[in-house]
Structures are given as C-alpha cells and as structure tokens.
Amino acid sequence: MQGTSPRLTWRGWRPQDRTAQGTRRSRPRWPGRNWLRWPGSRRRRRNALLRTALAAAGRGWPVLPGAYAVPGLLGPCSCDDPGCPVPGAHPHDPPLLAASADARMVSWWWRERSPDAPVLLATGREVCAVSLPAEAGRRALDYFDLLGLPIGPVLASRRRYVLLVAPYTLEGLGGVLADLPWVPGSLRFHGPDGYLLLPPSRSDAGSARWIRPPGGDMPVLPQVELLLGGLIAASRAAPGGSRLAF
C-alpha cells in the first residue's frame, strides 16, 4: 500500500519527524509559539521587535533581549526554570547589566542571536517608571489631561498602566514617599536594576502595548514627584485602591 505525505509543510514539522514506529519526535524548541506561525508572520514580528529595539536605543534607552515563553512540556520559559514566575518577561542571557543603547550591539542581538526575543528596557539609567492597576491608570491619565499636565510615554499590559518618568534614585524616591501621608500598595516603582517589557513584546501573561507612544527621538520625561499626587488620588478612587491590587 503506497503511503502518502502532507503536501504542505512548515519549519518545525515535517513528515520525517515521525520515527519508524510512527511516534512523533519532539518539535524543535522555538521561542514562544512562533513554530505555529507562517513564515511571513514570523518575519514581520521579528522586524517589529528589531525596530522597537533600535528605536529605543536611538533615544538612548538601554535594552536587551529577554527570555521567551515556551509552550508545552519544554516550558514555561527559556530560562529552564520549571517554576519561572514570569515566563518570557525577564532577563536571562544576556544579564540585565548587559543592556545597551549601542545600535550595533542591539542590531546583532535581534538579527543574529535572538530574533524572536522580547525587548526589555533596563530602568534606572536613562528612564524609570511608575505603574498602577489599569483602571486607576486610566483615571490618572484623564486627570492629568484635565490639568494640562504633560506626561511622558505610557505603556499598558493586561492589568497595569506604566508611566515612564525621568531617572530617580532610590534614596530620592524614598525621601519623597516619606513625606506623603499615604501611598497605595498597588503603586510599583521601576527604578535602578529594574526592567520593562516594550511593545510589541509578549510574555506568558500577554502583550505589552503603547497607550501613548514616545514622540520624537528624545521624549521629555516628567519627574516622578510631579505625578504622585494624581496617581495616588486615582488609586484611591479606583475599586480596591486601598489594598494591594496587582
């Protein structure tokens, strides 16, 4: 009886991927779910990640490729930690200290070494951030717009808004917070030795996206102390604002 083989094949699955006994060999370990994508879709995604990394480097923001989410039994993350709490959204190899704004290094990382890796922005050097639950974030943006207060770029994940701000030190931030009567536990501060996921990067928890993308080559970043009052007020008004709402 003459056997038949599929007419359509794609990288990562071929007819010869079955053993003589008919059992399927394990698929190659591709970043995330890219082995399910058509070549054109995968190429567009890689180009988008490279453009994001180079654009950030052009603003002087240090970036690096992060670990990527891995589906199935090989997962959940390329860092090989079976209990990884944030698959596809943290530094691994290279480490965070290797983050660079050198266009040649950034281009090599995403062209040659890790074309499917998420883009991580290292905070503390050229940019920091403060984040809060999404509903409180939307309230805060409306409040700042009403006041005419200029703000910088704003990111969003599935559950949180992230406002990029000028660099601050932990000592300086601690002094500002100490003078406030109350700070909601749902506020997070992304300062020295921190990192953020830049759009269109994806993690196991979902994709990052711009709510207000950076404009121009060198966006003006506000001081964090100018935003704290509005962020705290928005967090108080949002349901659950007085408790840890992650």
C-alpha atoms as a PDB file:
ATOM      1  CA  MET A   1       0.000   0.000   0.000  1.00  0.00           C
ATOM      2  CA  GLN A   2       1.510   3.265  -1.118  1.00  0.00           C
ATOM      3  CA  GLY A   3       1.921   5.832   1.644  1.00  0.00           C
ATOM      4  CA  THR A   4       1.044   9.481   1.324  1.00  0.00           C
ATOM      5  CA  SER A   5       2.712  12.551   2.804  1.00  0.00           C
ATOM      6  CA  PRO A   6       1.394  16.028   3.521  1.00  0.00           C
ATOM      7  CA  ARG A   7       1.745  18.498   0.667  1.00  0.00           C
ATOM      8  CA  LEU A   8       2.105  21.488   2.939  1.00  0.00           C
ATOM      9  CA  THR A   9       4.958  21.562   5.404  1.00  0.00           C
ATOM     10  CA  TRP A  10       6.409  24.259   7.617  1.00  0.00           C
ATOM     11  CA  ARG A  11       9.539  24.680   9.625  1.00  0.00           C
ATOM     12  CA  GLY A  12       9.405  22.692  12.836  1.00  0.00           C
ATOM     13  CA  TRP A  13       7.167  19.886  11.463  1.00  0.00           C
ATOM     14  CA  ARG A  14       7.998  17.642   8.555  1.00  0.00           C
ATOM     15  CA  PRO A  15       6.839  14.159   7.508  1.00  0.00           C
ATOM     16  CA  GLN A  16      10.196  12.720   8.554  1.00  0.00           C
ATOM     17  CA  ASP A  17       9.567  13.925  12.099  1.00  0.00           C
ATOM     18  CA  ARG A  18       7.959  10.562  12.781  1.00  0.00           C
ATOM     19  CA  THR A  19      10.014   7.610  13.870  1.00  0.00           C
ATOM     20  CA  ALA A  20       9.852   4.179  12.282  1.00  0.00           C
ATOM     21  CA  GLN A  21       7.302   3.124  14.913  1.00  0.00           C
ATOM     22  CA  GLY A  22       5.048   6.013  13.927  1.00  0.00           C
ATOM     23  CA  THR A  23       5.547   8.094  17.052  1.00  0.00           C
ATOM     24  CA  ARG A  24       6.199  11.756  16.613  1.00  0.00           C
ATOM     25  CA  ARG A  25       9.556  13.215  17.555  1.00  0.00           C
ATOM     26  CA  SER A  26       9.613  16.242  19.811  1.00  0.00           C
ATOM     27  CA  ARG A  27       9.465  19.561  17.980  1.00  0.00           C
ATOM     28  CA  PRO A  28      12.494  21.845  17.908  1.00  0.00           C
ATOM     29  CA  ARG A  29      12.462  24.408  20.682  1.00  0.00           C
ATOM     30  CA  TRP A  30      11.290  27.631  19.096  1.00  0.00           C
ATOM     31  CA  PRO A  31      10.773  30.845  21.053  1.00  0.00           C
ATOM     32  CA  GLY A  32       7.203  31.259  22.269  1.00  0.00           C
ATOM     33  CA  ARG A  33       4.601  29.964  19.837  1.00  0.00           C
ATOM     34  CA  ASN A  34       6.455  31.030  16.712  1.00  0.00           C
ATOM     35  CA  TRP A  35       6.654  27.474  15.376  1.00  0.00           C
ATOM     36  CA  LEU A  36       2.917  27.762  14.695  1.00  0.00           C
ATOM     37  CA  ARG A  37       3.287  30.927  12.612  1.00  0.00           C
ATOM     38  CA  TRP A  38       3.548  31.190   8.842  1.00  0.00           C
ATOM     39  CA  PRO A  39       6.992  32.399   7.711  1.00  0.00           C
ATOM     40  CA  GLY A  40       5.659  35.809   6.637  1.00  0.00           C
ATOM     41  CA  SER A  41       4.013  36.424  10.006  1.00  0.00           C
ATOM     42  CA  ARG A  42       7.125  35.377  11.856  1.00  0.00           C
ATOM     43  CA  ARG A  43       9.298  37.618   9.697  1.00  0.00           C
ATOM     44  CA  ARG A  44       7.036  40.629  10.314  1.00  0.00           C
ATOM     45  CA  ARG A  45       7.111  40.023  14.050  1.00  0.00           C
ATOM     46  CA  ARG A  46      10.898  39.769  14.068  1.00  0.00           C
ATOM     47  CA  ASN A  47      11.163  43.012  12.099  1.00  0.00           C
ATOM     48  CA  ALA A  48       8.823  44.748  14.553  1.00  0.00           C
ATOM     49  CA  LEU A  49      10.934  43.629  17.521  1.00  0.00           C
ATOM     50  CA  LEU A  50      14.124  44.811  15.821  1.00  0.00           C
ATOM     51  CA  ARG A  51      12.571  48.205  15.011  1.00  0.00           C
ATOM     52  CA  THR A  52      11.434  48.596  18.610  1.00  0.00           C
ATOM     53  CA  ALA A  53      14.868  47.762  19.988  1.00  0.00           C
ATOM     54  CA  LEU A  54      16.662  50.114  17.577  1.00  0.00           C
ATOM     55  CA  ALA A  55      14.173  52.932  18.212  1.00  0.00           C
ATOM     56  CA  ALA A  56      14.713  52.627  21.963  1.00  0.00           C
ATOM     57  CA  ALA A  57      18.484  52.592  21.505  1.00  0.00           C
ATOM     58  CA  GLY A  58      18.184  55.685  19.312  1.00  0.00           C
ATOM     59  CA  ARG A  59      16.608  57.506  22.256  1.00  0.00           C
ATOM     60  CA  GLY A  60      19.489  56.445  24.472  1.00  0.00           C
ATOM     61  CA  TRP A  61      17.426  53.827  26.304  1.00  0.00           C
ATOM     62  CA  PRO A  62      19.416  50.675  27.160  1.00  0.00           C
ATOM     63  CA  VAL A  63      17.702  47.486  26.003  1.00  0.00           C
ATOM     64  CA  LEU A  64      18.444  43.774  25.891  1.00  0.00           C
ATOM     65  CA  PRO A  65      16.729  40.591  24.647  1.00  0.00           C
ATOM     66  CA  GLY A  66      14.770  38.778  27.337  1.00  0.00           C
ATOM     67  CA  ALA A  67      13.869  35.168  27.950  1.00  0.00           C
ATOM     68  CA  TYR A  68      10.929  33.905  25.904  1.00  0.00           C
ATOM     69  CA  ALA A  69       7.881  31.868  26.813  1.00  0.00           C
ATOM     70  CA  VAL A  70       7.989  28.206  25.745  1.00  0.00           C
ATOM     71  CA  PRO A  71       4.754  26.221  25.320  1.00  0.00           C
ATOM     72  CA  GLY A  72       4.153  22.628  26.297  1.00  0.00           C
ATOM     73  CA  LEU A  73       6.358  20.259  28.259  1.00  0.00           C
ATOM     74  CA  LEU A  74       9.529  22.225  27.460  1.00  0.00           C
ATOM     75  CA  GLY A  75       8.151  25.337  29.148  1.00  0.00           C
ATOM     76  CA  PRO A  76       7.217  27.524  30.662  1.00  0.00           C
ATOM     77  CA  CYS A  77      10.271  29.673  29.893  1.00  0.00           C
ATOM     78  CA  SER A  78      13.560  29.530  28.023  1.00  0.00           C
ATOM     79  CA  CYS A  79      15.408  30.189  31.289  1.00  0.00           C
ATOM     80  CA  ASP A  80      14.848  26.453  32.071  1.00  0.00           C
ATOM     81  CA  ASP A  81      13.331  27.189  35.476  1.00  0.00           C
ATOM     82  CA  PRO A  82      10.235  24.940  35.728  1.00  0.00           C
ATOM     83  CA  GLY A  83       8.781  27.308  38.304  1.00  0.00           C
ATOM     84  CA  CYS A  84       9.529  30.560  36.454  1.00  0.00           C
ATOM     85  CA  PRO A  85       7.020  33.148  37.775  1.00  0.00           C
ATOM     86  CA  VAL A  86       7.203  35.461  34.735  1.00  0.00           C
ATOM     87  CA  PRO A  87       7.765  33.340  31.600  1.00  0.00           C
ATOM     88  CA  GLY A  88       9.014  35.414  28.695  1.00  0.00           C
ATOM     89  CA  ALA A  89       9.288  38.683  30.614  1.00  0.00           C
ATOM     90  CA  HIS A  90      12.645  38.795  32.378  1.00  0.00           C
ATOM     91  CA  PRO A  91      16.392  38.976  31.642  1.00  0.00           C
ATOM     92  CA  HIS A  92      18.316  35.726  31.377  1.00  0.00           C
ATOM     93  CA  ASP A  93      21.140  35.612  28.840  1.00  0.00           C
ATOM     94  CA  PRO A  94      22.481  38.279  28.463  1.00  0.00           C
ATOM     95  CA  PRO A  95      22.020  39.551  32.034  1.00  0.00           C
ATOM     96  CA  LEU A  96      20.379  42.866  32.848  1.00  0.00           C
ATOM     97  CA  LEU A  97      23.715  44.647  33.297  1.00  0.00           C
ATOM     98  CA  ALA A  98      24.492  43.992  29.627  1.00  0.00           C
ATOM     99  CA  ALA A  99      21.653  46.278  28.454  1.00  0.00           C
ATOM    100  CA  SER A 100      22.942  48.620  25.777  1.00  0.00           C
ATOM    101  CA  ALA A 101      21.952  51.599  23.637  1.00  0.00           C
ATOM    102  CA  ASP A 102      24.670  50.790  21.084  1.00  0.00           C
ATOM    103  CA  ALA A 103      22.864  50.310  17.768  1.00  0.00           C
ATOM    104  CA  ARG A 104      25.438  47.794  16.521  1.00  0.00           C
ATOM    105  CA  MET A 105      25.065  45.578  19.573  1.00  0.00           C
ATOM    106  CA  VAL A 106      21.288  45.877  19.551  1.00  0.00           C
ATOM    107  CA  SER A 107      21.148  45.034  15.848  1.00  0.00           C
ATOM    108  CA  TRP A 108      23.355  41.963  16.349  1.00  0.00           C
ATOM    109  CA  TRP A 109      21.228  40.717  19.230  1.00  0.00           C
ATOM    110  CA  TRP A 110      17.979  40.789  17.257  1.00  0.00           C
ATOM    111  CA  ARG A 111      19.353  39.964  13.801  1.00  0.00           C
ATOM    112  CA  GLU A 112      21.759  37.176  14.662  1.00  0.00           C
ATOM    113  CA  ARG A 113      21.374  35.960  18.214  1.00  0.00           C
ATOM    114  CA  SER A 114      17.792  36.248  19.479  1.00  0.00           C
ATOM    115  CA  PRO A 115      15.475  37.460  16.693  1.00  0.00           C
ATOM    116  CA  ASP A 116      12.315  36.320  18.491  1.00  0.00           C
ATOM    117  CA  ALA A 117      13.242  37.596  21.953  1.00  0.00           C
ATOM    118  CA  PRO A 118      11.125  40.227  23.716  1.00  0.00           C
ATOM    119  CA  VAL A 119      12.603  43.709  24.079  1.00  0.00           C
ATOM    120  CA  LEU A 120      13.416  44.613  27.674  1.00  0.00           C
ATOM    121  CA  LEU A 121      14.115  48.212  28.694  1.00  0.00           C
ATOM    122  CA  ALA A 122      16.557  48.480  31.602  1.00  0.00           C
ATOM    123  CA  THR A 123      15.343  51.157  34.028  1.00  0.00           C
ATOM    124  CA  GLY A 124      17.405  53.387  36.267  1.00  0.00           C
ATOM    125  CA  ARG A 125      19.946  54.837  33.837  1.00  0.00           C
ATOM    126  CA  GLU A 126      18.071  56.930  31.278  1.00  0.00           C
ATOM    127  CA  VAL A 127      14.464  56.207  32.173  1.00  0.00           C
ATOM    128  CA  CYS A 128      12.462  54.996  35.163  1.00  0.00           C
ATOM    129  CA  ALA A 129       8.763  54.242  35.556  1.00  0.00           C
ATOM    130  CA  VAL A 130       5.844  54.031  37.950  1.00  0.00           C
ATOM    131  CA  SER A 131       2.956  51.620  37.392  1.00  0.00           C
ATOM    132  CA  LEU A 132      -0.528  51.116  38.807  1.00  0.00           C
ATOM    133  CA  PRO A 133      -3.626  48.986  38.087  1.00  0.00           C
ATOM    134  CA  ALA A 134      -5.193  49.648  34.683  1.00  0.00           C
ATOM    135  CA  GLU A 135      -8.411  51.243  35.918  1.00  0.00           C
ATOM    136  CA  ALA A 136      -6.520  53.619  38.190  1.00  0.00           C
ATOM    137  CA  GLY A 137      -4.148  54.342  35.301  1.00  0.00           C
ATOM    138  CA  ARG A 138      -6.989  55.403  33.029  1.00  0.00           C
ATOM    139  CA  ARG A 139      -8.345  57.696  35.748  1.00  0.00           C
ATOM    140  CA  ALA A 140      -4.896  59.211  36.260  1.00  0.00           C
ATOM    141  CA  LEU A 141      -4.435  59.985  32.548  1.00  0.00           C
ATOM    142  CA  ASP A 142      -7.836  61.695  32.424  1.00  0.00           C
ATOM    143  CA  TYR A 143      -6.887  63.742  35.492  1.00  0.00           C
ATOM    144  CA  PHE A 144      -3.528  64.804  34.030  1.00  0.00           C
ATOM    145  CA  ASP A 145      -5.211  65.769  30.750  1.00  0.00           C
ATOM    146  CA  LEU A 146      -7.766  67.858  32.631  1.00  0.00           C
ATOM    147  CA  LEU A 147      -4.969  69.724  34.391  1.00  0.00           C
ATOM    148  CA  GLY A 148      -2.971  70.064  31.196  1.00  0.00           C
ATOM    149  CA  LEU A 149      -0.028  68.383  32.906  1.00  0.00           C
ATOM    150  CA  PRO A 150       2.392  66.979  30.324  1.00  0.00           C
ATOM    151  CA  ILE A 151       3.322  63.338  30.821  1.00  0.00           C
ATOM    152  CA  GLY A 152       5.678  61.016  29.038  1.00  0.00           C
ATOM    153  CA  PRO A 153       5.089  57.745  27.194  1.00  0.00           C
ATOM    154  CA  VAL A 154       2.612  55.308  28.735  1.00  0.00           C
ATOM    155  CA  LEU A 155       2.685  51.513  28.409  1.00  0.00           C
ATOM    156  CA  ALA A 156      -0.006  49.023  29.247  1.00  0.00           C
ATOM    157  CA  SER A 157      -0.097  45.325  29.987  1.00  0.00           C
ATOM    158  CA  ARG A 158      -3.230  43.295  30.515  1.00  0.00           C
ATOM    159  CA  ARG A 159      -3.690  44.577  34.066  1.00  0.00           C
ATOM    160  CA  ARG A 160      -1.456  47.608  34.555  1.00  0.00           C
ATOM    161  CA  TYR A 161      -0.533  51.027  33.164  1.00  0.00           C
ATOM    162  CA  VAL A 162       3.134  52.047  33.224  1.00  0.00           C
ATOM    163  CA  LEU A 163       4.132  55.731  33.065  1.00  0.00           C
ATOM    164  CA  LEU A 164       7.719  56.402  32.009  1.00  0.00           C
ATOM    165  CA  VAL A 165       9.425  59.092  34.075  1.00  0.00           C
ATOM    166  CA  ALA A 166      12.831  60.726  34.425  1.00  0.00           C
ATOM    167  CA  PRO A 167      15.523  58.729  36.230  1.00  0.00           C
ATOM    168  CA  TYR A 168      15.412  58.804  40.020  1.00  0.00           C
ATOM    169  CA  THR A 169      17.477  57.284  42.797  1.00  0.00           C
ATOM    170  CA  LEU A 170      16.051  55.007  45.441  1.00  0.00           C
ATOM    171  CA  GLU A 171      17.207  57.424  48.131  1.00  0.00           C
ATOM    172  CA  GLY A 172      15.499  60.353  46.440  1.00  0.00           C
ATOM    173  CA  LEU A 173      12.297  58.408  45.885  1.00  0.00           C
ATOM    174  CA  GLY A 174      12.295  57.238  49.494  1.00  0.00           C
ATOM    175  CA  GLY A 175      12.524  60.830  50.681  1.00  0.00           C
ATOM    176  CA  VAL A 176       9.554  61.858  48.529  1.00  0.00           C
ATOM    177  CA  LEU A 177       7.400  58.934  49.673  1.00  0.00           C
ATOM    178  CA  ALA A 178       8.275  59.515  53.324  1.00  0.00           C
ATOM    179  CA  ASP A 179       6.677  62.973  53.158  1.00  0.00           C
ATOM    180  CA  LEU A 180       3.349  61.613  51.895  1.00  0.00           C
ATOM    181  CA  PRO A 181       0.580  60.693  54.356  1.00  0.00           C
ATOM    182  CA  TRP A 182      -0.433  57.570  52.420  1.00  0.00           C
ATOM    183  CA  VAL A 183       0.866  55.625  49.434  1.00  0.00           C
ATOM    184  CA  PRO A 184      -1.263  52.807  47.971  1.00  0.00           C
ATOM    185  CA  GLY A 185       0.371  49.415  47.923  1.00  0.00           C
ATOM    186  CA  SER A 186      -0.730  48.952  44.322  1.00  0.00           C
ATOM    187  CA  LEU A 187       1.821  51.524  43.083  1.00  0.00           C
ATOM    188  CA  ARG A 188       5.055  49.987  41.827  1.00  0.00           C
ATOM    189  CA  PHE A 189       8.279  51.841  41.122  1.00  0.00           C
ATOM    190  CA  HIS A 190      10.603  50.648  38.366  1.00  0.00           C
ATOM    191  CA  GLY A 191      13.937  52.251  39.139  1.00  0.00           C
ATOM    192  CA  PRO A 192      17.582  51.175  39.272  1.00  0.00           C
ATOM    193  CA  ASP A 193      18.135  47.492  38.452  1.00  0.00           C
ATOM    194  CA  GLY A 194      14.603  47.161  37.065  1.00  0.00           C
ATOM    195  CA  TYR A 195      13.234  46.474  33.606  1.00  0.00           C
ATOM    196  CA  LEU A 196      10.114  46.837  31.474  1.00  0.00           C
ATOM    197  CA  LEU A 197       8.657  44.903  28.537  1.00  0.00           C
ATOM    198  CA  LEU A 198       8.402  47.110  25.428  1.00  0.00           C
ATOM    199  CA  PRO A 199       5.691  46.665  22.757  1.00  0.00           C
ATOM    200  CA  PRO A 200       5.151  44.572  20.692  1.00  0.00           C
ATOM    201  CA  SER A 201       6.869  42.082  23.006  1.00  0.00           C
ATOM    202  CA  ARG A 202       4.816  39.287  24.504  1.00  0.00           C
ATOM    203  CA  SER A 203       5.084  37.276  27.652  1.00  0.00           C
ATOM    204  CA  ASP A 204       3.129  34.350  29.044  1.00  0.00           C
ATOM    205  CA  ALA A 205       0.822  36.944  30.658  1.00  0.00           C
ATOM    206  CA  GLY A 206       0.062  38.740  27.380  1.00  0.00           C
ATOM    207  CA  SER A 207       1.360  41.527  25.153  1.00  0.00           C
ATOM    208  CA  ALA A 208       2.636  44.975  26.009  1.00  0.00           C
ATOM    209  CA  ARG A 209       1.179  47.903  24.078  1.00  0.00           C
ATOM    210  CA  TRP A 210       1.553  51.664  23.897  1.00  0.00           C
ATOM    211  CA  ILE A 211      -1.236  53.813  25.276  1.00  0.00           C
ATOM    212  CA  ARG A 212       0.799  56.931  24.497  1.00  0.00           C
ATOM    213  CA  PRO A 213       3.856  56.111  22.397  1.00  0.00           C
ATOM    214  CA  PRO A 214       7.036  58.155  22.632  1.00  0.00           C
ATOM    215  CA  GLY A 215       7.173  61.070  20.206  1.00  0.00           C
ATOM    216  CA  GLY A 216      10.383  62.203  18.569  1.00  0.00           C
ATOM    217  CA  ASP A 217      13.861  60.908  19.270  1.00  0.00           C
ATOM    218  CA  MET A 218      14.184  62.222  22.819  1.00  0.00           C
ATOM    219  CA  PRO A 219      10.819  62.338  24.618  1.00  0.00           C
ATOM    220  CA  VAL A 220      10.670  64.640  27.630  1.00  0.00           C
ATOM    221  CA  LEU A 221      10.146  62.540  30.740  1.00  0.00           C
ATOM    222  CA  PRO A 222       8.411  64.098  33.778  1.00  0.00           C
ATOM    223  CA  GLN A 223       9.746  63.942  37.312  1.00  0.00           C
ATOM    224  CA  VAL A 224       8.006  61.226  39.309  1.00  0.00           C
ATOM    225  CA  GLU A 225       7.151  63.565  42.208  1.00  0.00           C
ATOM    226  CA  LEU A 226       5.015  65.708  39.869  1.00  0.00           C
ATOM    227  CA  LEU A 227       2.777  62.719  39.119  1.00  0.00           C
ATOM    228  CA  LEU A 228       2.476  61.097  42.520  1.00  0.00           C
ATOM    229  CA  GLY A 229      -0.456  63.203  43.722  1.00  0.00           C
ATOM    230  CA  GLY A 230      -2.597  62.296  40.711  1.00  0.00           C
ATOM    231  CA  LEU A 231      -1.555  58.646  40.794  1.00  0.00           C
ATOM    232  CA  ILE A 232      -2.409  58.329  44.471  1.00  0.00           C
ATOM    233  CA  ALA A 233      -5.767  60.080  44.013  1.00  0.00           C
ATOM    234  CA  ALA A 234      -6.637  57.827  41.061  1.00  0.00           C
ATOM    235  CA  SER A 235      -5.654  54.741  43.052  1.00  0.00           C
ATOM    236  CA  ARG A 236      -7.827  55.840  45.962  1.00  0.00           C
ATOM    237  CA  ALA A 237     -10.830  56.369  43.678  1.00  0.00           C
ATOM    238  CA  ALA A 238     -10.441  53.020  41.902  1.00  0.00           C
ATOM    239  CA  PRO A 239     -12.083  49.942  43.451  1.00  0.00           C
ATOM    240  CA  GLY A 240      -9.603  48.210  45.698  1.00  0.00           C
ATOM    241  CA  GLY A 241      -7.276  51.201  45.657  1.00  0.00           C
ATOM    242  CA  SER A 242      -6.551  50.938  49.368  1.00  0.00           C
ATOM    243  CA  ARG A 243      -5.258  47.383  49.170  1.00  0.00           C
ATOM    244  CA  LEU A 244      -2.654  45.522  47.137  1.00  0.00           C
ATOM    245  CA  ALA A 245      -4.195  45.226  43.671  1.00  0.00           C
ATOM    246  CA  PHE A 246      -1.721  43.618  41.329  1.00  0.00           C
END
